[in-house]
Amino acid sequence: MGYSGHEVGSYNVCLPAVILGATSIERHLTLDRTMYGSDQAASLEPEGIFRLVRDIRGIDKIMGDGKKRIWESEKPAMQKLRQILT
């Protein structure tokens, strides 16, 4: 499943598409969005492409691996709550 982005001024719609399962993202690339042409306004300049790739790669960190863990920093609160409940 993929997403073909043509929104003007931002790539923010691409990120939820990846979260929802898109494995392919298609965006047009331009050197200058003010150039003449029908796709220029909806295209990304090189810096926008770099940011898009960076943000998509960050989604893996945000989503995690699905394994539940108790972090060391959480243990004191967990122990305190268990004392209250018993």
C-alpha atoms as a PDB file:
ATOM      1  CA  MET A   1       0.000   0.000   0.000  1.00  0.00           C
ATOM      2  CA  GLY A   2       1.309   3.438  -0.798  1.00  0.00           C
ATOM      3  CA  TYR A   3       0.462   7.115  -0.739  1.00  0.00           C
ATOM      4  CA  SER A   4       0.916   9.658  -3.509  1.00  0.00           C
ATOM      5  CA  GLY A   5       1.134  13.104  -1.957  1.00  0.00           C
ATOM      6  CA  HIS A   6       0.136  16.214  -3.874  1.00  0.00           C
ATOM      7  CA  GLU A   7      -0.747  18.497  -0.996  1.00  0.00           C
ATOM      8  CA  VAL A   8       0.616  22.025  -1.281  1.00  0.00           C
ATOM      9  CA  GLY A   9       2.965  23.446   1.310  1.00  0.00           C
ATOM     10  CA  SER A  10       3.478  20.458   3.570  1.00  0.00           C
ATOM     11  CA  TYR A  11       4.175  16.750   3.695  1.00  0.00           C
ATOM     12  CA  ASN A  12       2.318  16.150   6.968  1.00  0.00           C
ATOM     13  CA  VAL A  13      -0.280  13.864   5.369  1.00  0.00           C
ATOM     14  CA  CYS A  14       2.493  11.428   4.403  1.00  0.00           C
ATOM     15  CA  LEU A  15       3.315  10.688   8.051  1.00  0.00           C
ATOM     16  CA  PRO A  16      -0.131   9.342   9.070  1.00  0.00           C
ATOM     17  CA  ALA A  17      -0.142   7.344   5.828  1.00  0.00           C
ATOM     18  CA  VAL A  18       3.034   5.573   6.977  1.00  0.00           C
ATOM     19  CA  ILE A  19       1.594   5.032  10.466  1.00  0.00           C
ATOM     20  CA  LEU A  20      -1.488   3.470   8.866  1.00  0.00           C
ATOM     21  CA  GLY A  21       0.652   1.071   6.837  1.00  0.00           C
ATOM     22  CA  ALA A  22       1.863   2.786   3.666  1.00  0.00           C
ATOM     23  CA  THR A  23       5.157   1.252   2.583  1.00  0.00           C
ATOM     24  CA  SER A  24       5.649   3.525  -0.425  1.00  0.00           C
ATOM     25  CA  ILE A  25       5.452   7.312  -0.491  1.00  0.00           C
ATOM     26  CA  GLU A  26       5.514   9.213  -3.777  1.00  0.00           C
ATOM     27  CA  ARG A  27       6.320  12.910  -3.817  1.00  0.00           C
ATOM     28  CA  HIS A  28       7.491  15.126  -6.652  1.00  0.00           C
ATOM     29  CA  LEU A  29      10.877  16.784  -6.275  1.00  0.00           C
ATOM     30  CA  THR A  30      11.766  20.241  -7.562  1.00  0.00           C
ATOM     31  CA  LEU A  31      14.719  22.539  -7.180  1.00  0.00           C
ATOM     32  CA  ASP A  32      12.459  25.585  -6.774  1.00  0.00           C
ATOM     33  CA  ARG A  33       8.741  25.517  -5.974  1.00  0.00           C
ATOM     34  CA  THR A  34       8.262  28.931  -7.623  1.00  0.00           C
ATOM     35  CA  MET A  35       9.315  27.600 -11.044  1.00  0.00           C
ATOM     36  CA  TYR A  36       6.740  27.358 -13.814  1.00  0.00           C
ATOM     37  CA  GLY A  37       4.783  24.103 -14.025  1.00  0.00           C
ATOM     38  CA  SER A  38       1.647  22.429 -12.800  1.00  0.00           C
ATOM     39  CA  ASP A  39       3.380  20.249 -10.172  1.00  0.00           C
ATOM     40  CA  GLN A  40       5.834  22.776  -8.749  1.00  0.00           C
ATOM     41  CA  ALA A  41       3.620  24.064  -5.937  1.00  0.00           C
ATOM     42  CA  ALA A  42       2.883  20.536  -4.666  1.00  0.00           C
ATOM     43  CA  SER A  43       6.473  19.364  -5.055  1.00  0.00           C
ATOM     44  CA  LEU A  44       9.110  19.262  -2.338  1.00  0.00           C
ATOM     45  CA  GLU A  45      12.464  20.976  -2.561  1.00  0.00           C
ATOM     46  CA  PRO A  46      15.531  18.924  -1.534  1.00  0.00           C
ATOM     47  CA  GLU A  47      15.374  20.121   2.093  1.00  0.00           C
ATOM     48  CA  GLY A  48      11.723  19.058   2.270  1.00  0.00           C
ATOM     49  CA  ILE A  49      12.609  15.593   0.977  1.00  0.00           C
ATOM     50  CA  PHE A  50      15.349  15.281   3.623  1.00  0.00           C
ATOM     51  CA  ARG A  51      12.885  16.271   6.366  1.00  0.00           C
ATOM     52  CA  LEU A  52      10.248  13.867   5.045  1.00  0.00           C
ATOM     53  CA  VAL A  53      12.683  10.934   5.070  1.00  0.00           C
ATOM     54  CA  ARG A  54      13.940  11.906   8.559  1.00  0.00           C
ATOM     55  CA  ASP A  55      10.401  12.088   9.946  1.00  0.00           C
ATOM     56  CA  ILE A  56       9.317   8.803   8.346  1.00  0.00           C
ATOM     57  CA  ARG A  57      12.352   7.059   9.824  1.00  0.00           C
ATOM     58  CA  GLY A  58      11.481   8.532  13.216  1.00  0.00           C
ATOM     59  CA  ILE A  59       8.075   6.832  13.113  1.00  0.00           C
ATOM     60  CA  ASP A  60       9.747   3.470  13.828  1.00  0.00           C
ATOM     61  CA  LYS A  61      11.119   4.873  17.082  1.00  0.00           C
ATOM     62  CA  ILE A  62       7.777   6.390  18.028  1.00  0.00           C
ATOM     63  CA  MET A  63       5.815   3.204  17.297  1.00  0.00           C
ATOM     64  CA  GLY A  64       8.275   0.931  19.110  1.00  0.00           C
ATOM     65  CA  ASP A  65       8.462  -2.814  18.664  1.00  0.00           C
ATOM     66  CA  GLY A  66       5.179  -3.741  20.357  1.00  0.00           C
ATOM     67  CA  LYS A  67       6.821  -5.356  23.392  1.00  0.00           C
ATOM     68  CA  LYS A  68       5.631  -4.217  26.814  1.00  0.00           C
ATOM     69  CA  ARG A  69       8.431  -3.247  29.190  1.00  0.00           C
ATOM     70  CA  ILE A  70       8.750  -1.743  32.635  1.00  0.00           C
ATOM     71  CA  TRP A  71      11.502   0.849  32.612  1.00  0.00           C
ATOM     72  CA  GLU A  72      13.705   1.328  35.649  1.00  0.00           C
ATOM     73  CA  SER A  73      12.354   4.850  36.054  1.00  0.00           C
ATOM     74  CA  GLU A  74       8.805   3.442  36.330  1.00  0.00           C
ATOM     75  CA  LYS A  75       9.514   0.885  39.072  1.00  0.00           C
ATOM     76  CA  PRO A  76       9.291   3.227  42.109  1.00  0.00           C
ATOM     77  CA  ALA A  77       5.837   4.463  41.055  1.00  0.00           C
ATOM     78  CA  MET A  78       4.722   0.889  40.321  1.00  0.00           C
ATOM     79  CA  GLN A  79       5.800  -0.284  43.776  1.00  0.00           C
ATOM     80  CA  LYS A  80       4.117   2.689  45.426  1.00  0.00           C
ATOM     81  CA  LEU A  81       0.832   2.050  43.619  1.00  0.00           C
ATOM     82  CA  ARG A  82       0.895  -1.631  44.489  1.00  0.00           C
ATOM     83  CA  GLN A  83       1.216  -0.765  48.196  1.00  0.00           C
ATOM     84  CA  ILE A  84      -1.808   1.496  47.962  1.00  0.00           C
ATOM     85  CA  LEU A  85      -3.917  -1.165  46.224  1.00  0.00           C
ATOM     86  CA  THR A  86      -3.120  -3.948  48.700  1.00  0.00           C
END
